[in-house]
Amino acid sequence: MLKISNISLHHCAWLTLMILLQLLITLFLNGSLHSLFLHSESTAAACKLGRIYVYDLPPILNKDLLHNYHAGLGPPAAGLDAAVPLNLAAAWHWTDMYAAEVIYHDRINNYRCTTSDPAQAAAFYIPFYAGLAVRNYLFSNSTAKDRDHHAAAMLNWVKNQPAWRNSNGSDHFLMLGRLTWAFRRLTDDDTEWGSSLLYMPLMKNVLRLTVERFRWDELEFSVPYPTAFHPRSESDIRQWQAWIRARKRPTLFTFVGATREKIRNDFRSVLMEYCTKKETTSCRVVDCWKTPCSDGAPAILEAFLGSDFCLQPKGDGLTRRSAFDCMLAGSIPVYFWRGSFEYQYEWHLPKNASEYSIFIDNDIVRNDTSIIKRTLEKYSKEEVKRMRETIIEFLPKLLYSKSNANLGGIEDAFDIAMDGVLKRFEQQRRLMDASKENKQD
């Protein structure tokens, strides 16, 4: 009886094997298996710099801080009929300028170069919403301890993770949605601005992405501010590029902003007075005291689309979200501080800023505002066209697509940032390996 059973099991095993073999042959002939192999090879090639492990933080450090953020994109935009092609309307959202940390978390959860195995990771992402955590305390009667609470809790959690203990955080990174200055409080004085996150001892090895970096911090890299356009496909990008290339621009330059009366010698007031009282024909103004500008507005986009140049003074820091709104519309930014473009966005913008922007020193403008028009009028139509074409060419690098987007071979701002992070860690590992070899020799 046992012998007959063994023979039956033997035959069953062979029969099962033959069925599986036939199935594999059928799949290969149909192209399914071949496509699977190609997809695996393609993913491996795309992830040659390594994979990223995403920590699952306690919700109090990210998700619980959200208030209808729509994956960071904000609510669908409305009122753009005159400025945006009808079939691109769904790609536009009223995106908060400080929403990048939410956008990066959403994108990385759908990123093909992640891994669920920490042992296979080349980088570790800490999805802490540092900007949202401190936001509720920045404009209230809060203490320094209040503003540090979430940051301290995050570091207390992550320091106990095995991967952190292996590297002391040197292969970890996070994204800061606000300017670096919101996280660089030097003392525990309750009246001082921001949190002290970046000066906390456990942060000494952690790489950070931010919308404006501190020039002398080698662990900090700036990435583009989010704009309102979040393409769903390569076609969306190509159509928008063609749209801004063909746009008629009757105005020489535009200024979008609001004066700040509490700031001594406010430069925005200088520009506003120049445009509204001295140069009304060449300058178009969107006064943000009268038109909401925080998350974008139809009037802003229309103004940039209708102008060759856009004036970009300092914002809350040396940089502004407005400069990216300007370039999104194919307008050429005019900077007044070198810190607005130097040592910023080095992964995303051309090294030679004169290829896509104009610089006029703010001190010269204060003495003679007419220098603005005289300078811009010197550029020929051919030169303006060439600069605009440069912007159109690198524009995809400034965009944050939707998570389910298919951009073909195009890399957007998030993709480039992830490449930058992984390259940085790869260089770091090579230096460490070379140092070990030298010590052994």
Protein backbone atom coordinates (compact mmCIF):
# COMPACT_ATOMS: atom_id res chain seq x y z
CA MET A 1 0.00 0.00 0.00
CA LEU A 2 2.90 2.33 0.87
CA LYS A 3 4.65 1.55 -2.44
CA ILE A 4 1.56 2.38 -4.50
CA SER A 5 1.18 5.67 -2.60
CA ASN A 6 4.83 6.60 -3.30
CA ILE A 7 4.40 5.91 -7.01
CA SER A 8 1.27 8.06 -7.10
CA LEU A 9 3.02 10.93 -5.34
CA HIS A 10 5.96 10.61 -7.74
CA HIS A 11 3.65 10.85 -10.77
CA CYS A 12 1.77 13.77 -9.25
CA ALA A 13 5.00 15.66 -8.74
CA TRP A 14 6.05 15.12 -12.34
CA LEU A 15 2.60 16.11 -13.59
CA THR A 16 2.69 19.34 -11.54
CA LEU A 17 6.18 20.15 -12.84
CA MET A 18 5.10 19.62 -16.45
CA ILE A 19 2.06 21.87 -15.99
CA LEU A 20 4.24 24.62 -14.51
CA LEU A 21 6.75 24.28 -17.34
CA GLN A 22 4.01 24.58 -19.96
CA LEU A 23 2.61 27.63 -18.16
CA LEU A 24 6.01 29.33 -18.14
CA ILE A 25 6.49 28.59 -21.86
CA THR A 26 3.04 30.03 -22.61
CA LEU A 27 3.76 33.17 -20.59
CA PHE A 28 7.07 33.65 -22.35
CA LEU A 29 5.53 33.21 -25.80
CA ASN A 30 2.80 35.68 -24.91
CA GLY A 31 5.41 38.18 -23.79
CA SER A 32 4.22 38.40 -20.16
CA LEU A 33 7.29 36.77 -18.66
CA HIS A 34 9.57 38.67 -21.04
CA SER A 35 7.94 41.95 -19.97
CA LEU A 36 8.34 40.98 -16.34
CA PHE A 37 12.07 40.36 -16.85
CA LEU A 38 12.43 43.66 -18.72
CA HIS A 39 10.58 45.53 -15.97
CA SER A 40 12.85 44.02 -13.32
CA GLU A 41 15.94 44.93 -15.33
CA SER A 42 14.62 48.45 -15.93
CA THR A 43 13.89 48.98 -12.23
CA ALA A 44 17.32 47.65 -11.27
CA ALA A 45 18.96 50.04 -13.74
CA ALA A 46 16.91 52.97 -12.47
CA CYS A 47 17.84 52.12 -8.89
CA LYS A 48 21.55 51.61 -9.48
CA LEU A 49 22.33 54.23 -6.83
CA GLY A 50 20.50 52.19 -4.23
CA ARG A 51 17.13 51.97 -2.52
CA ILE A 52 15.47 53.96 0.24
CA TYR A 53 13.87 52.64 3.39
CA VAL A 54 10.97 54.75 4.67
CA TYR A 55 10.43 54.81 8.42
CA ASP A 56 6.90 54.32 9.71
CA LEU A 57 6.85 57.13 12.25
CA PRO A 58 4.17 57.51 14.92
CA PRO A 59 1.27 59.49 13.34
CA ILE A 60 1.72 62.33 15.83
CA LEU A 61 4.91 63.23 13.92
CA ASN A 62 3.30 63.50 10.48
CA LYS A 63 -0.25 62.38 9.60
CA ASP A 64 -1.87 63.86 12.71
CA LEU A 65 -0.44 67.26 11.76
CA LEU A 66 -2.32 67.37 8.46
CA HIS A 67 -5.41 69.44 7.78
CA ASN A 68 -6.92 68.49 4.40
CA TYR A 69 -3.59 68.72 2.60
CA HIS A 70 -4.64 66.55 -0.39
CA ALA A 71 -1.30 64.67 -0.45
CA GLY A 72 0.35 68.08 -0.11
CA LEU A 73 -1.04 69.38 -3.40
CA GLY A 74 -3.90 71.40 -1.91
CA PRO A 75 -7.44 71.72 -3.29
CA PRO A 76 -8.08 71.73 -7.05
CA ALA A 77 -7.47 75.16 -8.57
CA ALA A 78 -10.34 77.19 -9.97
CA GLY A 79 -10.67 80.31 -12.09
CA LEU A 80 -7.77 79.54 -14.41
CA ASP A 81 -9.82 79.24 -17.62
CA ALA A 82 -8.11 82.21 -19.27
CA ALA A 83 -4.60 81.11 -18.33
CA VAL A 84 -4.55 77.31 -18.63
CA PRO A 85 -5.59 74.97 -21.46
CA LEU A 86 -8.89 73.30 -20.56
CA ASN A 87 -7.52 69.76 -20.60
CA LEU A 88 -4.73 70.74 -18.17
CA ALA A 89 -7.06 72.25 -15.55
CA ALA A 90 -7.12 69.06 -13.44
CA ALA A 91 -3.32 69.22 -13.08
CA TRP A 92 -3.52 72.52 -11.17
CA HIS A 93 -3.96 72.85 -7.41
CA TRP A 94 -3.71 75.64 -4.88
CA THR A 95 -0.53 74.28 -3.34
CA ASP A 96 0.86 75.83 -0.18
CA MET A 97 4.41 77.10 -0.57
CA TYR A 98 5.47 75.14 2.54
CA ALA A 99 3.82 71.82 1.64
CA ALA A 100 6.93 70.10 0.21
CA GLU A 101 7.46 67.81 3.21
CA VAL A 102 4.00 66.32 2.67
CA ILE A 103 4.51 66.06 -1.08
CA TYR A 104 7.84 64.26 -0.62
CA HIS A 105 6.31 61.76 1.80
CA ASP A 106 3.47 61.00 -0.60
CA ARG A 107 5.82 60.67 -3.55
CA ILE A 108 8.34 58.47 -1.77
CA ASN A 109 5.58 56.08 -0.72
CA ASN A 110 5.04 55.49 -4.45
CA TYR A 111 8.72 55.64 -5.45
CA ARG A 112 10.08 52.62 -7.31
CA CYS A 113 13.45 52.74 -5.57
CA THR A 114 12.26 51.98 -2.04
CA THR A 115 12.70 48.79 -0.07
CA SER A 116 10.91 47.21 2.88
CA ASP A 117 14.16 45.57 4.00
CA PRO A 118 16.44 47.93 5.98
CA ALA A 119 19.41 45.65 5.22
CA GLN A 120 19.01 46.44 1.51
CA ALA A 121 18.74 50.20 1.93
CA ALA A 122 21.32 52.77 0.88
CA ALA A 123 19.38 55.60 2.52
CA PHE A 124 16.79 56.02 5.26
CA TYR A 125 14.01 58.60 4.97
CA ILE A 126 12.50 60.12 8.10
CA PRO A 127 9.00 61.38 7.10
CA PHE A 128 8.76 63.97 9.87
CA TYR A 129 6.65 67.03 9.05
CA ALA A 130 8.96 69.47 10.79
CA GLY A 131 7.43 72.57 9.22
CA LEU A 132 3.87 71.63 10.09
CA ALA A 133 4.95 70.67 13.60
CA VAL A 134 6.43 74.10 14.32
CA ARG A 135 3.91 76.13 12.29
CA ASN A 136 1.24 76.18 14.99
CA TYR A 137 3.70 77.72 17.44
CA LEU A 138 5.44 80.31 15.26
CA PHE A 139 2.74 82.94 15.43
CA SER A 140 1.41 82.32 18.92
CA ASN A 141 2.53 82.95 22.47
CA SER A 142 4.53 79.70 22.64
CA THR A 143 7.67 78.66 24.49
CA ALA A 144 10.92 77.33 23.04
CA LYS A 145 10.05 73.97 24.56
CA ASP A 146 6.71 73.96 22.71
CA ARG A 147 8.46 74.58 19.40
CA ASP A 148 10.98 71.80 20.03
CA HIS A 149 8.50 69.22 21.31
CA HIS A 150 7.83 67.30 18.08
CA ALA A 151 11.43 67.48 16.87
CA ALA A 152 12.73 66.08 20.16
CA ALA A 153 10.12 63.32 20.05
CA MET A 154 11.14 62.39 16.50
CA LEU A 155 14.83 62.12 17.40
CA ASN A 156 14.07 60.18 20.56
CA TRP A 157 12.14 57.67 18.42
CA VAL A 158 14.59 57.34 15.55
CA LYS A 159 17.71 57.01 17.71
CA ASN A 160 16.44 53.61 18.88
CA GLN A 161 16.14 52.18 15.36
CA PRO A 162 18.82 49.58 14.42
CA ALA A 163 19.76 51.37 11.18
CA TRP A 164 20.34 54.62 13.07
CA ARG A 165 22.52 52.90 15.64
CA ASN A 166 24.58 51.35 12.83
CA SER A 167 25.41 54.71 11.23
CA ASN A 168 24.63 57.33 13.87
CA GLY A 169 22.25 58.85 11.33
CA SER A 170 24.85 59.46 8.60
CA ASP A 171 22.76 57.64 5.95
CA HIS A 172 19.47 59.25 7.02
CA PHE A 173 17.67 62.25 5.53
CA LEU A 174 14.51 64.27 5.97
CA MET A 175 12.64 67.02 4.15
CA LEU A 176 12.00 70.42 5.74
CA GLY A 177 9.04 72.18 4.15
CA ARG A 178 9.93 75.60 5.55
CA LEU A 179 13.05 77.70 5.13
CA THR A 180 16.08 76.53 7.07
CA TRP A 181 15.80 79.58 9.37
CA ALA A 182 12.67 78.15 10.99
CA PHE A 183 14.81 75.36 12.48
CA ARG A 184 17.92 77.25 13.61
CA ARG A 185 17.01 78.79 16.93
CA LEU A 186 20.27 79.34 18.81
CA THR A 187 19.03 79.71 22.39
CA ASP A 188 16.20 78.59 24.64
CA ASP A 189 14.87 82.13 24.86
CA ASP A 190 11.10 81.93 24.38
CA THR A 191 11.10 85.12 22.32
CA GLU A 192 13.49 83.73 19.68
CA TRP A 193 12.03 82.49 16.39
CA GLY A 194 11.59 78.86 15.36
CA SER A 195 12.75 75.51 16.67
CA SER A 196 16.31 74.36 17.36
CA LEU A 197 15.96 71.12 15.37
CA LEU A 198 19.07 71.60 13.24
CA TYR A 199 21.23 72.35 16.28
CA MET A 200 20.09 69.31 18.25
CA PRO A 201 23.10 66.96 18.76
CA LEU A 202 21.40 63.96 17.13
CA MET A 203 20.96 65.94 13.90
CA LYS A 204 24.70 66.45 13.35
CA ASN A 205 24.97 63.73 10.65
CA VAL A 206 21.50 63.85 9.08
CA LEU A 207 21.15 65.16 5.52
CA ARG A 208 18.24 67.52 4.95
CA LEU A 209 16.36 68.90 2.00
CA THR A 210 14.79 72.33 2.33
CA VAL A 211 13.25 75.00 0.11
CA GLU A 212 16.04 77.38 1.15
CA ARG A 213 19.35 76.10 2.47
CA PHE A 214 21.93 77.65 4.77
CA ARG A 215 24.87 78.38 2.49
CA TRP A 216 27.55 77.12 4.87
CA ASP A 217 25.85 73.86 5.86
CA GLU A 218 27.29 70.98 3.82
CA LEU A 219 24.51 68.62 4.90
CA GLU A 220 21.74 70.85 3.56
CA PHE A 221 20.45 70.95 -0.03
CA SER A 222 17.74 73.21 -1.40
CA VAL A 223 14.95 71.91 -3.62
CA PRO A 224 12.31 73.88 -5.56
CA TYR A 225 9.30 75.35 -3.82
CA PRO A 226 6.10 73.58 -4.91
CA THR A 227 4.08 75.45 -7.51
CA ALA A 228 0.46 74.96 -8.57
CA PHE A 229 1.12 72.74 -11.61
CA HIS A 230 1.36 68.98 -10.94
CA PRO A 231 1.53 67.15 -14.28
CA ARG A 232 -0.10 63.76 -14.72
CA SER A 233 1.85 62.74 -17.80
CA GLU A 234 4.63 63.66 -20.19
CA SER A 235 1.92 65.04 -22.46
CA ASP A 236 0.87 67.53 -19.75
CA ILE A 237 4.44 68.83 -19.55
CA ARG A 238 4.93 69.08 -23.31
CA GLN A 239 1.61 70.87 -23.76
CA TRP A 240 2.42 73.40 -21.05
CA GLN A 241 5.87 74.03 -22.51
CA ALA A 242 4.30 74.74 -25.90
CA TRP A 243 1.68 76.97 -24.25
CA ILE A 244 4.18 79.27 -22.53
CA ARG A 245 6.47 79.28 -25.57
CA ALA A 246 3.67 80.61 -27.81
CA ARG A 247 2.24 83.07 -25.30
CA LYS A 248 2.12 86.76 -26.30
CA ARG A 249 3.73 88.98 -23.64
CA PRO A 250 2.70 92.62 -23.96
CA THR A 251 4.31 93.75 -20.68
CA LEU A 252 8.06 94.18 -20.17
CA PHE A 253 8.07 93.19 -16.51
CA THR A 254 5.79 92.29 -13.59
CA PHE A 255 5.97 92.71 -9.83
CA VAL A 256 3.91 90.44 -7.59
CA GLY A 257 4.10 91.15 -3.87
CA ALA A 258 3.02 93.14 -0.87
CA THR A 259 4.80 95.93 0.93
CA ARG A 260 6.00 95.34 4.48
CA GLU A 261 5.60 98.58 6.39
CA LYS A 262 7.06 97.14 9.60
CA ILE A 263 10.37 96.42 7.86
CA ARG A 264 12.77 99.33 7.78
CA ASN A 265 13.77 100.41 4.26
CA ASP A 266 11.46 97.77 2.80
CA PHE A 267 12.71 97.05 -0.72
CA ARG A 268 9.30 95.81 -1.84
CA SER A 269 7.94 99.28 -1.14
CA VAL A 270 10.61 100.67 -3.46
CA LEU A 271 9.49 98.35 -6.26
CA MET A 272 5.79 98.93 -5.60
CA GLU A 273 6.17 102.72 -5.76
CA TYR A 274 8.27 102.47 -8.92
CA CYS A 275 5.71 100.28 -10.69
CA THR A 276 2.56 102.07 -9.56
CA LYS A 277 3.75 105.68 -9.80
CA LYS A 278 6.78 105.94 -12.11
CA GLU A 279 6.61 103.09 -14.61
CA THR A 280 2.97 102.21 -15.10
CA THR A 281 3.30 101.35 -18.80
CA SER A 282 6.19 98.88 -18.60
CA CYS A 283 5.40 97.27 -15.24
CA ARG A 284 2.35 95.20 -14.35
CA VAL A 285 1.54 94.90 -10.64
CA VAL A 286 -0.30 92.33 -8.55
CA ASP A 287 -0.64 93.87 -5.10
CA CYS A 288 -0.90 91.03 -2.59
CA TRP A 289 -2.58 93.31 -0.08
CA LYS A 290 -5.52 93.36 -2.48
CA THR A 291 -5.18 89.96 -4.21
CA PRO A 292 -4.59 86.78 -2.15
CA CYS A 293 -1.19 85.47 -3.20
CA SER A 294 -0.31 82.81 -0.60
CA ASP A 295 -1.36 79.76 -2.59
CA GLY A 296 -1.38 81.31 -6.02
CA ALA A 297 -4.18 83.13 -7.82
CA PRO A 298 -5.36 83.50 -11.44
CA ALA A 299 -4.19 87.12 -11.46
CA ILE A 300 -0.63 86.05 -10.60
CA LEU A 301 -0.36 83.42 -13.31
CA GLU A 302 -1.90 85.73 -15.91
CA ALA A 303 0.53 88.51 -14.99
CA PHE A 304 3.57 86.25 -15.34
CA LEU A 305 2.27 84.77 -18.60
CA GLY A 306 1.92 88.27 -20.02
CA SER A 307 5.40 89.54 -19.09
CA ASP A 308 8.92 88.97 -20.35
CA PHE A 309 10.49 89.53 -16.92
CA CYS A 310 9.36 89.32 -13.29
CA LEU A 311 10.90 91.23 -10.37
CA GLN A 312 11.99 88.95 -7.51
CA PRO A 313 13.05 90.70 -4.29
CA LYS A 314 13.75 88.72 -1.13
CA GLY A 315 10.91 86.79 0.48
CA ASP A 316 10.79 85.49 4.05
CA GLY A 317 14.38 84.49 3.29
CA LEU A 318 16.59 85.27 0.33
CA THR A 319 14.46 83.05 -1.91
CA ARG A 320 10.78 83.18 -2.90
CA ARG A 321 8.16 80.75 -4.13
CA SER A 322 7.23 83.54 -6.57
CA ALA A 323 10.44 82.97 -8.56
CA PHE A 324 9.25 79.45 -9.37
CA ASP A 325 5.75 80.67 -10.24
CA CYS A 326 7.45 83.15 -12.55
CA MET A 327 9.55 80.51 -14.34
CA LEU A 328 6.56 78.16 -14.51
CA ALA A 329 4.91 80.81 -16.68
CA GLY A 330 7.99 81.20 -18.89
CA SER A 331 8.85 84.62 -17.47
CA ILE A 332 12.49 85.52 -16.70
CA PRO A 333 13.29 86.26 -13.03
CA VAL A 334 15.09 89.47 -12.10
CA TYR A 335 16.99 89.09 -8.82
CA PHE A 336 18.30 91.85 -6.55
CA TRP A 337 20.30 89.74 -4.05
CA ARG A 338 22.90 87.19 -5.12
CA GLY A 339 21.81 84.94 -2.29
CA SER A 340 18.48 84.46 -4.07
CA PHE A 341 20.15 82.19 -6.62
CA GLU A 342 23.77 81.57 -5.62
CA TYR A 343 24.34 78.34 -3.64
CA GLN A 344 20.67 77.45 -4.02
CA TYR A 345 18.96 74.73 -6.10
CA GLU A 346 22.27 73.43 -7.47
CA TRP A 347 20.72 70.08 -8.40
CA HIS A 348 17.85 71.66 -10.31
CA LEU A 349 19.01 74.90 -11.97
CA PRO A 350 21.86 75.69 -14.41
CA LYS A 351 25.12 76.68 -12.72
CA ASN A 352 25.31 79.85 -14.78
CA ALA A 353 22.37 81.92 -13.55
CA SER A 354 22.78 84.43 -16.40
CA GLU A 355 21.44 81.79 -18.77
CA TYR A 356 17.93 82.16 -17.35
CA SER A 357 17.86 85.23 -15.05
CA ILE A 358 18.93 88.87 -14.62
CA PHE A 359 20.74 90.35 -11.63
CA ILE A 360 20.52 94.03 -10.62
CA ASP A 361 22.01 94.91 -7.24
CA ASN A 362 19.39 96.21 -4.78
CA ASP A 363 21.64 99.06 -3.62
CA ILE A 364 21.84 100.41 -7.17
CA VAL A 365 18.05 100.20 -7.51
CA ARG A 366 17.50 102.11 -4.27
CA ASN A 367 19.52 105.01 -5.69
CA ASP A 368 17.95 104.89 -9.15
CA THR A 369 14.86 102.72 -9.75
CA SER A 370 14.86 103.57 -13.46
CA ILE A 371 17.88 101.24 -13.80
CA ILE A 372 15.38 98.36 -13.88
CA LYS A 373 13.72 99.39 -17.14
CA ARG A 374 16.97 100.54 -18.72
CA THR A 375 18.62 97.20 -17.97
CA LEU A 376 15.77 95.04 -19.22
CA GLU A 377 15.28 97.06 -22.41
CA LYS A 378 18.87 96.28 -23.41
CA TYR A 379 18.00 92.64 -24.01
CA SER A 380 17.03 91.96 -27.60
CA LYS A 381 14.02 89.84 -28.56
CA GLU A 382 16.42 87.07 -29.58
CA GLU A 383 18.17 87.14 -26.21
CA VAL A 384 14.86 87.10 -24.34
CA LYS A 385 13.67 84.21 -26.47
CA ARG A 386 16.89 82.27 -25.79
CA MET A 387 16.59 82.78 -22.03
CA ARG A 388 12.95 81.75 -22.07
CA GLU A 389 13.81 78.63 -24.04
CA THR A 390 16.40 77.73 -21.41
CA ILE A 391 13.69 77.98 -18.74
CA ILE A 392 11.28 75.91 -20.82
CA GLU A 393 13.94 73.22 -21.26
CA PHE A 394 14.73 72.81 -17.55
CA LEU A 395 11.16 73.50 -16.34
CA PRO A 396 10.32 69.79 -15.70
CA LYS A 397 13.08 69.78 -13.06
CA LEU A 398 11.11 72.37 -11.07
CA LEU A 399 7.77 70.53 -11.12
CA TYR A 400 6.28 68.05 -8.67
CA SER A 401 4.13 65.61 -10.57
CA LYS A 402 1.24 63.67 -9.12
CA SER A 403 2.14 60.36 -7.49
CA ASN A 404 0.45 58.25 -10.15
CA ALA A 405 1.92 60.26 -13.04
CA ASN A 406 3.63 58.64 -16.01
CA LEU A 407 6.26 61.10 -17.21
CA GLY A 408 8.02 58.68 -19.55
CA GLY A 409 11.72 59.37 -19.33
CA ILE A 410 11.32 62.79 -17.71
CA GLU A 411 12.63 63.35 -14.18
CA ASP A 412 10.81 65.92 -12.07
CA ALA A 413 12.01 67.85 -9.01
CA PHE A 414 11.40 64.92 -6.65
CA ASP A 415 13.26 62.42 -8.86
CA ILE A 416 16.26 64.72 -9.12
CA ALA A 417 16.28 65.29 -5.36
CA MET A 418 16.26 61.53 -4.69
CA ASP A 419 19.11 61.03 -7.18
CA GLY A 420 21.01 63.79 -5.40
CA VAL A 421 20.52 62.21 -1.99
CA LEU A 422 21.57 58.75 -3.15
CA LYS A 423 24.62 60.10 -5.01
CA ARG A 424 25.66 61.99 -1.90
CA PHE A 425 25.45 58.86 0.24
CA GLU A 426 27.30 56.82 -2.39
CA GLN A 427 30.15 59.36 -2.41
CA GLN A 428 30.15 59.29 1.37
CA ARG A 429 30.49 55.49 1.41
CA ARG A 430 33.34 55.59 -1.09
CA LEU A 431 35.24 58.11 1.02
CA MET A 432 34.71 55.98 4.11
CA ASP A 433 35.90 52.83 2.30
CA ALA A 434 38.97 54.65 0.97
CA SER A 435 39.74 55.92 4.47
CA LYS A 436 39.54 52.39 5.88
CA GLU A 437 41.87 51.08 3.16
CA ASN A 438 44.39 53.81 3.88
CA LYS A 439 44.35 52.97 7.60
CA GLN A 440 44.90 49.29 6.82
CA ASP A 441 47.87 50.10 4.58
